[in-house]
C-alpha atoms as a PDB file:
ATOM      1  CA  MET A   1      53.131-167.717 -30.360  1.00  0.00           C
ATOM      2  CA  ASN A   2      49.427-168.383 -31.380  1.00  0.00           C
ATOM      3  CA  ILE A   3      48.129-170.554 -34.526  1.00  0.00           C
ATOM      4  CA  ALA A   4      46.967-167.407 -36.167  1.00  0.00           C
ATOM      5  CA  LYS A   5      49.821-165.335 -35.429  1.00  0.00           C
ATOM      6  CA  ARG A   6      52.298-168.226 -37.382  1.00  0.00           C
ATOM      7  CA  ARG A   7      50.289-168.695 -39.948  1.00  0.00           C
ATOM      8  CA  SER A   8      49.915-165.182 -40.686  1.00  0.00           C
ATOM      9  CA  ILE A   9      53.877-164.723 -40.568  1.00  0.00           C
ATOM     10  CA  ILE A  10      54.159-167.871 -43.247  1.00  0.00           C
ATOM     11  CA  ALA A  11      51.391-166.447 -45.269  1.00  0.00           C
ATOM     12  CA  GLN A  12      53.173-162.665 -45.357  1.00  0.00           C
ATOM     13  CA  ARG A  13      56.483-164.607 -46.296  1.00  0.00           C
ATOM     14  CA  LEU A  14      54.942-166.428 -49.132  1.00  0.00           C
ATOM     15  CA  GLU A  15      53.348-163.141 -50.411  1.00  0.00           C
ATOM     16  CA  ALA A  16      56.894-161.113 -50.156  1.00  0.00           C
ATOM     17  CA  ASP A  17      59.273-164.386 -51.221  1.00  0.00           C
ATOM     18  CA  HIS A  18      56.574-166.832 -53.350  1.00  0.00           C
ATOM     19  CA  THR A  19      58.190-169.557 -51.862  1.00  0.00           C
ATOM     20  CA  VAL A  20      58.967-171.301 -48.260  1.00  0.00           C
ATOM     21  CA  ASN A  21      60.964-173.840 -46.897  1.00  0.00           C
ATOM     22  CA  VAL A  22      59.475-175.921 -44.101  1.00  0.00           C
ATOM     23  CA  VAL A  23      63.210-176.532 -42.288  1.00  0.00           C
ATOM     24  CA  GLN A  24      64.230-172.661 -42.564  1.00  0.00           C
ATOM     25  CA  LEU A  25      60.153-171.724 -41.403  1.00  0.00           C
ATOM     26  CA  ALA A  26      60.517-174.309 -38.500  1.00  0.00           C
ATOM     27  CA  LYS A  27      63.656-172.738 -37.106  1.00  0.00           C
ATOM     28  CA  GLU A  28      62.506-168.901 -37.582  1.00  0.00           C
ATOM     29  CA  ILE A  29      59.289-169.355 -35.846  1.00  0.00           C
ATOM     30  CA  GLY A  30      60.828-171.618 -33.384  1.00  0.00           C
ATOM     31  CA  VAL A  31      58.419-174.718 -33.695  1.00  0.00           C
ATOM     32  CA  SER A  32      58.529-178.365 -35.325  1.00  0.00           C
ATOM     33  CA  THR A  33      58.730-179.179 -39.105  1.00  0.00           C
ATOM     34  CA  MET A  34      55.646-181.171 -38.283  1.00  0.00           C
ATOM     35  CA  THR A  35      53.704-177.678 -37.091  1.00  0.00           C
ATOM     36  CA  VAL A  36      54.981-175.865 -40.270  1.00  0.00           C
ATOM     37  CA  ARG A  37      53.853-178.596 -42.208  1.00  0.00           C
ATOM     38  CA  ARG A  38      50.174-178.612 -40.573  1.00  0.00           C
ATOM     39  CA  ASP A  39      50.054-174.753 -40.954  1.00  0.00           C
ATOM     40  CA  LEU A  40      51.180-174.858 -44.520  1.00  0.00           C
ATOM     41  CA  ALA A  41      48.390-177.896 -45.459  1.00  0.00           C
ATOM     42  CA  GLU A  42      45.804-175.415 -43.735  1.00  0.00           C
ATOM     43  CA  LEU A  43      47.202-172.483 -46.058  1.00  0.00           C
ATOM     44  CA  GLU A  44      47.052-174.564 -48.914  1.00  0.00           C
ATOM     45  CA  ARG A  45      43.338-175.899 -48.235  1.00  0.00           C
ATOM     46  CA  GLN A  46      42.521-171.989 -48.092  1.00  0.00           C
ATOM     47  CA  GLY A  47      44.080-171.236 -51.207  1.00  0.00           C
ATOM     48  CA  PHE A  48      46.487-169.342 -50.341  1.00  0.00           C
ATOM     49  CA  ALA A  49      49.795-171.665 -50.778  1.00  0.00           C
ATOM     50  CA  ARG A  50      50.477-175.017 -52.787  1.00  0.00           C
ATOM     51  CA  ARG A  51      52.659-177.375 -50.948  1.00  0.00           C
ATOM     52  CA  ILE A  52      55.708-178.738 -52.588  1.00  0.00           C
ATOM     53  CA  HIS A  53      58.509-181.239 -51.647  1.00  0.00           C
ATOM     54  CA  GLY A  54      60.560-179.298 -48.944  1.00  0.00           C
ATOM     55  CA  GLY A  55      58.069-176.411 -48.421  1.00  0.00           C
ATOM     56  CA  ALA A  56      55.152-174.445 -50.348  1.00  0.00           C
ATOM     57  CA  VAL A  57      54.782-172.026 -53.210  1.00  0.00           C
ATOM     58  CA  HIS A  58      52.583-168.962 -53.504  1.00  0.00           C
ATOM     59  CA  GLY A  59      48.882-170.730 -54.349  1.00  0.00           C
ATOM     60  CA  GLY A  60      48.026-168.138 -56.651  1.00  0.00           C
ATOM     61  CA  ARG A  61      45.922-168.045 -59.567  1.00  0.00           C
ATOM     62  CA  ARG A  62      46.593-170.167 -62.646  1.00  0.00           C
ATOM     63  CA  SER A  63      47.881-166.743 -64.338  1.00  0.00           C
ATOM     64  CA  PHE A  64      49.993-166.064 -61.183  1.00  0.00           C
ATOM     65  CA  GLU A  65      53.766-166.145 -62.732  1.00  0.00           C
ATOM     66  CA  PRO A  66      56.777-165.953 -60.141  1.00  0.00           C
ATOM     67  CA  THR A  67      59.373-164.020 -61.472  1.00  0.00           C
ATOM     68  CA  LEU A  68      62.372-165.823 -62.823  1.00  0.00           C
ATOM     69  CA  THR A  69      64.821-164.588 -60.072  1.00  0.00           C
ATOM     70  CA  GLN A  70      62.545-166.225 -57.964  1.00  0.00           C
ATOM     71  CA  ARG A  71      62.219-169.506 -59.948  1.00  0.00           C
ATOM     72  CA  VAL A  72      66.189-169.730 -60.319  1.00  0.00           C
ATOM     73  CA  THR A  73      66.307-170.294 -56.360  1.00  0.00           C
ATOM     74  CA  THR A  74      63.922-173.055 -55.728  1.00  0.00           C
ATOM     75  CA  ASN A  75      64.947-176.749 -56.156  1.00  0.00           C
ATOM     76  CA  VAL A  76      68.459-175.752 -57.200  1.00  0.00           C
ATOM     77  CA  GLU A  77      69.790-179.254 -56.945  1.00  0.00           C
ATOM     78  CA  GLY A  78      67.313-180.665 -58.638  1.00  0.00           C
ATOM     79  CA  LYS A  79      67.235-178.347 -61.460  1.00  0.00           C
ATOM     80  CA  LYS A  80      71.181-178.794 -61.659  1.00  0.00           C
ATOM     81  CA  ARG A  81      70.534-182.730 -61.903  1.00  0.00           C
ATOM     82  CA  ILE A  82      67.832-182.217 -64.587  1.00  0.00           C
ATOM     83  CA  ALA A  83      70.596-180.190 -66.874  1.00  0.00           C
ATOM     84  CA  GLU A  84      73.248-182.639 -66.322  1.00  0.00           C
ATOM     85  CA  ALA A  85      71.012-185.261 -67.697  1.00  0.00           C
ATOM     86  CA  ALA A  86      69.754-183.170 -70.623  1.00  0.00           C
ATOM     87  CA  VAL A  87      73.869-182.328 -71.653  1.00  0.00           C
ATOM     88  CA  SER A  88      74.122-186.083 -71.892  1.00  0.00           C
ATOM     89  CA  MET A  89      71.251-186.430 -74.513  1.00  0.00           C
ATOM     90  CA  CYS A  90      73.706-184.082 -76.949  1.00  0.00           C
ATOM     91  CA  ASN A  91      75.889-185.519 -79.474  1.00  0.00           C
ATOM     92  CA  GLN A  92      78.232-183.914 -81.229  1.00  0.00           C
ATOM     93  CA  ASP A  93      77.243-181.448 -84.346  1.00  0.00           C
ATOM     94  CA  GLU A  94      72.977-181.237 -83.330  1.00  0.00           C
ATOM     95  CA  SER A  95      71.103-178.501 -83.600  1.00  0.00           C
ATOM     96  CA  ILE A  96      69.867-177.408 -80.469  1.00  0.00           C
ATOM     97  CA  ALA A  97      66.746-175.664 -79.249  1.00  0.00           C
ATOM     98  CA  ILE A  98      66.638-174.419 -75.506  1.00  0.00           C
ATOM     99  CA  ASP A  99      63.649-172.901 -74.067  1.00  0.00           C
ATOM    100  CA  VAL A 100      63.312-170.027 -71.472  1.00  0.00           C
ATOM    101  CA  GLY A 101      62.723-170.888 -67.815  1.00  0.00           C
ATOM    102  CA  SER A 102      64.620-171.789 -64.889  1.00  0.00           C
ATOM    103  CA  THR A 103      65.597-175.137 -65.797  1.00  0.00           C
ATOM    104  CA  THR A 104      66.550-174.690 -69.300  1.00  0.00           C
ATOM    105  CA  LEU A 105      68.924-171.422 -67.660  1.00  0.00           C
ATOM    106  CA  PHE A 106      70.561-174.275 -65.820  1.00  0.00           C
ATOM    107  CA  LEU A 107      71.055-176.469 -68.600  1.00  0.00           C
ATOM    108  CA  ALA A 108      72.451-173.418 -70.844  1.00  0.00           C
ATOM    109  CA  GLU A 109      74.938-173.125 -68.074  1.00  0.00           C
ATOM    110  CA  ALA A 110      76.002-176.493 -67.982  1.00  0.00           C
ATOM    111  CA  LEU A 111      76.383-176.317 -71.740  1.00  0.00           C
ATOM    112  CA  ARG A 112      78.643-173.379 -71.126  1.00  0.00           C
ATOM    113  CA  ASP A 113      80.956-175.535 -69.104  1.00  0.00           C
ATOM    114  CA  THR A 114      81.219-178.593 -71.512  1.00  0.00           C
ATOM    115  CA  GLN A 115      84.698-178.877 -73.765  1.00  0.00           C
ATOM    116  CA  ASP A 116      84.954-179.674 -77.291  1.00  0.00           C
ATOM    117  CA  LEU A 117      81.216-180.383 -77.827  1.00  0.00           C
ATOM    118  CA  ARG A 118      80.318-178.594 -80.825  1.00  0.00           C
ATOM    119  CA  LEU A 119      76.715-177.796 -81.172  1.00  0.00           C
ATOM    120  CA  ILE A 120      74.448-174.994 -83.043  1.00  0.00           C
ATOM    121  CA  LEU A 121      72.231-173.461 -80.469  1.00  0.00           C
ATOM    122  CA  LEU A 122      68.766-171.588 -80.991  1.00  0.00           C
ATOM    123  CA  THR A 123      66.982-170.008 -77.969  1.00  0.00           C
ATOM    124  CA  PRO A 124      64.497-167.120 -77.395  1.00  0.00           C
ATOM    125  CA  SER A 125      66.359-166.043 -74.240  1.00  0.00           C
ATOM    126  CA  ILE A 126      68.429-163.317 -74.336  1.00  0.00           C
ATOM    127  CA  LEU A 127      70.118-164.309 -70.657  1.00  0.00           C
ATOM    128  CA  ILE A 128      70.543-167.790 -71.747  1.00  0.00           C
ATOM    129  CA  GLY A 129      72.126-166.794 -75.399  1.00  0.00           C
ATOM    130  CA  GLN A 130      74.439-164.403 -72.989  1.00  0.00           C
ATOM    131  CA  ILE A 131      75.702-167.705 -71.278  1.00  0.00           C
ATOM    132  CA  LEU A 132      75.998-169.777 -74.340  1.00  0.00           C
ATOM    133  CA  ALA A 133      78.315-167.039 -76.075  1.00  0.00           C
ATOM    134  CA  ASP A 134      81.117-167.841 -73.390  1.00  0.00           C
ATOM    135  CA  ASN A 135      81.797-171.227 -75.207  1.00  0.00           C
ATOM    136  CA  PRO A 136      83.658-170.589 -78.448  1.00  0.00           C
ATOM    137  CA  SER A 137      82.777-174.229 -79.465  1.00  0.00           C
ATOM    138  CA  LEU A 138      79.052-173.528 -79.371  1.00  0.00           C
ATOM    139  CA  SER A 139      77.421-171.663 -81.942  1.00  0.00           C
ATOM    140  CA  VAL A 140      74.527-169.786 -81.032  1.00  0.00           C
ATOM    141  CA  LEU A 141      71.312-168.187 -82.317  1.00  0.00           C
ATOM    142  CA  VAL A 142      69.081-165.762 -80.702  1.00  0.00           C
ATOM    143  CA  THR A 143      65.650-165.173 -82.393  1.00  0.00           C
ATOM    144  CA  GLY A 144      64.420-161.556 -82.630  1.00  0.00           C
ATOM    145  CA  GLY A 145      61.543-160.273 -81.169  1.00  0.00           C
ATOM    146  CA  MET A 146      59.836-158.354 -78.376  1.00  0.00           C
ATOM    147  CA  VAL A 147      61.580-158.925 -74.808  1.00  0.00           C
ATOM    148  CA  ARG A 148      59.415-159.515 -71.558  1.00  0.00           C
ATOM    149  CA  ARG A 149      60.770-157.644 -68.674  1.00  0.00           C
ATOM    150  CA  ARG A 150      62.028-159.922 -66.078  1.00  0.00           C
ATOM    151  CA  GLU A 151      62.005-162.937 -67.963  1.00  0.00           C
ATOM    152  CA  TYR A 152      64.470-161.809 -70.776  1.00  0.00           C
ATOM    153  CA  SER A 153      62.471-163.734 -73.124  1.00  0.00           C
ATOM    154  CA  LEU A 154      61.716-163.026 -76.602  1.00  0.00           C
ATOM    155  CA  THR A 155      58.058-163.101 -77.960  1.00  0.00           C
ATOM    156  CA  GLY A 156      55.689-161.740 -80.642  1.00  0.00           C
ATOM    157  CA  ASP A 157      55.789-162.329 -84.620  1.00  0.00           C
ATOM    158  CA  LEU A 158      59.481-161.860 -85.357  1.00  0.00           C
ATOM    159  CA  THR A 159      60.020-164.632 -82.732  1.00  0.00           C
ATOM    160  CA  ILE A 160      57.473-166.489 -84.481  1.00  0.00           C
ATOM    161  CA  ALA A 161      58.900-165.791 -88.097  1.00  0.00           C
ATOM    162  CA  SER A 162      62.279-166.639 -86.734  1.00  0.00           C
ATOM    163  CA  LEU A 163      61.524-170.018 -85.838  1.00  0.00           C
ATOM    164  CA  ARG A 164      59.880-170.781 -88.947  1.00  0.00           C
ATOM    165  CA  GLU A 165      63.080-170.455 -90.624  1.00  0.00           C
ATOM    166  CA  PHE A 166      64.747-173.546 -88.578  1.00  0.00           C
ATOM    167  CA  HIS A 167      64.502-177.029 -88.038  1.00  0.00           C
ATOM    168  CA  VAL A 168      66.577-178.417 -85.209  1.00  0.00           C
ATOM    169  CA  ASP A 169      67.371-181.996 -83.879  1.00  0.00           C
ATOM    170  CA  ARG A 170      65.949-181.225 -80.730  1.00  0.00           C
ATOM    171  CA  LEU A 171      63.999-178.893 -78.289  1.00  0.00           C
ATOM    172  CA  PHE A 172      64.821-178.881 -74.558  1.00  0.00           C
ATOM    173  CA  LEU A 173      61.035-177.367 -73.331  1.00  0.00           C
ATOM    174  CA  GLY A 174      60.554-175.492 -70.320  1.00  0.00           C
ATOM    175  CA  VAL A 175      56.694-175.573 -69.084  1.00  0.00           C
ATOM    176  CA  ALA A 176      54.714-174.141 -65.547  1.00  0.00           C
ATOM    177  CA  GLY A 177      52.950-177.551 -65.363  1.00  0.00           C
ATOM    178  CA  ILE A 178      53.008-181.279 -65.862  1.00  0.00           C
ATOM    179  CA  SER A 179      49.754-182.388 -65.180  1.00  0.00           C
ATOM    180  CA  SER A 180      47.783-186.201 -65.832  1.00  0.00           C
ATOM    181  CA  GLU A 181      44.664-183.832 -66.719  1.00  0.00           C
ATOM    182  CA  THR A 182      45.516-180.674 -68.992  1.00  0.00           C
ATOM    183  CA  GLY A 183      49.011-181.876 -70.137  1.00  0.00           C
ATOM    184  CA  LEU A 184      51.710-179.388 -70.195  1.00  0.00           C
ATOM    185  CA  THR A 185      51.022-175.578 -69.578  1.00  0.00           C
ATOM    186  CA  GLU A 186      52.464-172.099 -69.109  1.00  0.00           C
ATOM    187  CA  PHE A 187      51.738-168.773 -67.557  1.00  0.00           C
ATOM    188  CA  ASN A 188      51.986-166.438 -69.919  1.00  0.00           C
ATOM    189  CA  MET A 189      50.215-166.672 -73.679  1.00  0.00           C
ATOM    190  CA  GLU A 190      52.888-164.687 -75.352  1.00  0.00           C
ATOM    191  CA  ASP A 191      55.282-167.309 -74.282  1.00  0.00           C
ATOM    192  CA  THR A 192      53.370-170.203 -75.006  1.00  0.00           C
ATOM    193  CA  THR A 193      53.050-168.935 -78.548  1.00  0.00           C
ATOM    194  CA  VAL A 194      56.654-169.051 -78.928  1.00  0.00           C
ATOM    195  CA  LYS A 195      56.826-172.419 -77.247  1.00  0.00           C
ATOM    196  CA  LYS A 196      54.247-174.105 -79.934  1.00  0.00           C
ATOM    197  CA  ALA A 197      56.373-172.947 -82.450  1.00  0.00           C
ATOM    198  CA  LEU A 198      59.738-174.227 -81.226  1.00  0.00           C
ATOM    199  CA  ILE A 199      57.558-177.534 -80.896  1.00  0.00           C
ATOM    200  CA  ARG A 200      57.212-177.366 -84.556  1.00  0.00           C
ATOM    201  CA  SER A 201      60.732-176.734 -85.580  1.00  0.00           C
ATOM    202  CA  ALA A 202      62.116-179.714 -83.611  1.00  0.00           C
ATOM    203  CA  ALA A 203      62.432-183.428 -84.621  1.00  0.00           C
ATOM    204  CA  GLU A 204      62.477-184.577 -81.068  1.00  0.00           C
ATOM    205  CA  VAL A 205      60.963-182.754 -78.043  1.00  0.00           C
ATOM    206  CA  VAL A 206      62.271-183.102 -74.320  1.00  0.00           C
ATOM    207  CA  VAL A 207      60.768-181.752 -71.417  1.00  0.00           C
ATOM    208  CA  LEU A 208      62.464-180.126 -68.590  1.00  0.00           C
ATOM    209  CA  ALA A 209      60.330-180.489 -65.483  1.00  0.00           C
ATOM    210  CA  ASP A 210      61.391-180.837 -61.979  1.00  0.00           C
ATOM    211  CA  SER A 211      59.144-181.964 -59.466  1.00  0.00           C
ATOM    212  CA  GLU A 212      57.305-178.813 -58.339  1.00  0.00           C
ATOM    213  CA  LYS A 213      55.877-178.475 -61.408  1.00  0.00           C
ATOM    214  CA  PHE A 214      53.995-181.918 -61.162  1.00  0.00           C
ATOM    215  CA  GLY A 215      50.151-181.489 -60.820  1.00  0.00           C
ATOM    216  CA  VAL A 216      50.177-177.966 -61.925  1.00  0.00           C
ATOM    217  CA  THR A 217      47.908-176.207 -64.359  1.00  0.00           C
ATOM    218  CA  ALA A 218      48.794-172.769 -65.598  1.00  0.00           C
ATOM    219  CA  LEU A 219      46.775-170.560 -67.395  1.00  0.00           C
ATOM    220  CA  CYS A 220      47.813-171.613 -71.235  1.00  0.00           C
ATOM    221  CA  ARG A 221      48.049-174.818 -72.600  1.00  0.00           C
ATOM    222  CA  VAL A 222      51.096-175.860 -74.429  1.00  0.00           C
ATOM    223  CA  CYS A 223      50.314-179.141 -75.668  1.00  0.00           C
ATOM    224  CA  SER A 224      49.578-182.907 -74.978  1.00  0.00           C
ATOM    225  CA  PHE A 225      51.848-185.393 -73.569  1.00  0.00           C
ATOM    226  CA  SER A 226      51.592-186.889 -77.786  1.00  0.00           C
ATOM    227  CA  ALA A 227      53.823-183.889 -78.880  1.00  0.00           C
ATOM    228  CA  VAL A 228      56.264-185.024 -76.098  1.00  0.00           C
ATOM    229  CA  ASP A 229      58.962-187.400 -77.056  1.00  0.00           C
ATOM    230  CA  ALA A 230      60.835-187.606 -73.320  1.00  0.00           C
ATOM    231  CA  VAL A 231      60.422-185.715 -69.962  1.00  0.00           C
ATOM    232  CA  ILE A 232      63.283-185.156 -67.612  1.00  0.00           C
ATOM    233  CA  THR A 233      62.646-184.728 -64.070  1.00  0.00           C
ATOM    234  CA  ASP A 234      64.365-185.120 -60.566  1.00  0.00           C
ATOM    235  CA  ARG A 235      61.733-187.595 -58.754  1.00  0.00           C
ATOM    236  CA  THR A 236      59.570-190.105 -59.655  1.00  0.00           C
ATOM    237  CA  PRO A 237      55.933-188.382 -60.885  1.00  0.00           C
ATOM    238  CA  PRO A 238      52.564-189.630 -59.216  1.00  0.00           C
ATOM    239  CA  PRO A 239      50.882-192.487 -60.345  1.00  0.00           C
ATOM    240  CA  PRO A 240      48.332-190.247 -62.387  1.00  0.00           C
ATOM    241  CA  LEU A 241      51.138-188.673 -64.253  1.00  0.00           C
ATOM    242  CA  LEU A 242      53.584-191.975 -64.781  1.00  0.00           C
ATOM    243  CA  ARG A 243      50.293-193.497 -66.480  1.00  0.00           C
ATOM    244  CA  ALA A 244      49.586-190.551 -68.888  1.00  0.00           C
ATOM    245  CA  LEU A 245      53.255-190.428 -69.927  1.00  0.00           C
ATOM    246  CA  GLU A 246      53.189-194.432 -70.517  1.00  0.00           C
ATOM    247  CA  LYS A 247      49.717-194.194 -72.619  1.00  0.00           C
ATOM    248  CA  TYR A 248      51.403-191.787 -75.072  1.00  0.00           C
ATOM    249  CA  ASN A 249      54.791-193.856 -74.761  1.00  0.00           C
ATOM    250  CA  THR A 250      56.496-190.639 -73.267  1.00  0.00           C
ATOM    251  CA  ARG A 251      60.253-191.554 -72.012  1.00  0.00           C
ATOM    252  CA  LEU A 252      60.866-190.910 -68.551  1.00  0.00           C
ATOM    253  CA  ILE A 253      64.081-190.167 -67.283  1.00  0.00           C
ATOM    254  CA  VAL A 254      64.374-189.468 -63.262  1.00  0.00           C
ATOM    255  CA  THR A 255      68.027-188.009 -62.166  1.00  0.00           C
ATOM    256  CA  GLY A 256      69.719-190.355 -60.294  1.00  0.00           C
ATOM    257  CA  GLN A 257      67.578-193.505 -61.404  1.00  0.00           C
ATOM    258  CA  GLY A 258      68.396-193.510 -65.090  1.00  0.00           C
ATOM    259  CA  ASP A 259      65.642-194.359 -67.693  1.00  0.00           C
ATOM    260  CA  SER A 260      62.498-195.113 -66.237  1.00  0.00           C
ATOM    261  CA  SER A 261      60.502-195.614 -69.550  1.00  0.00           C
END
């Protein structure tokens, strides 16, 4: 198979699935993983791909948002470890807000499986509310609002008005990107407005961001690092991001390595 044909196949897979895995591609195409990595590097140079640990995602513009269904299938183990670390931060009888997103969905599943942990939980996600409701020890509040199809998040004036009525101990925030240059960003303007309202309602803000978010800048600015108390992730961030976190005294928790602050 020639180079052009091989890269065309990879590009088509990215267009269809929005994410690819190096090892799987190598097996399917019948080449080495090194060859696939070179192909992905070239596709990234052309703007069609963005390389991540173990593969690549579609290199769409900053407003391009992979669906929730797609996002929950990427870096599953990393997101589960982040979720477990987040659960360990929860204390008896606290009030917790859980943002929308794929990593926060794993957090909801982890909280559902806890025993005798009493919490009041607030969320603008229909899916997360449904998952949490299965645990009788958890009191679940779901904001009102308009439903974003495919994301099942709640947005709009009713959501914002609802969040003004609450003051929670801790927010677990999801983002599309975390960058030393642009801070925390998100794809969708309506979800971004809700995230900002969640931040205002919380005494402590903890960002759940797996390593695929490092260096990514999406369309909408959520906040700077000055608004963030802690970041939980699955891999050590690159030096520029580490320096940005240190500058604002943002606590860093890398799963499997403990507290890196």
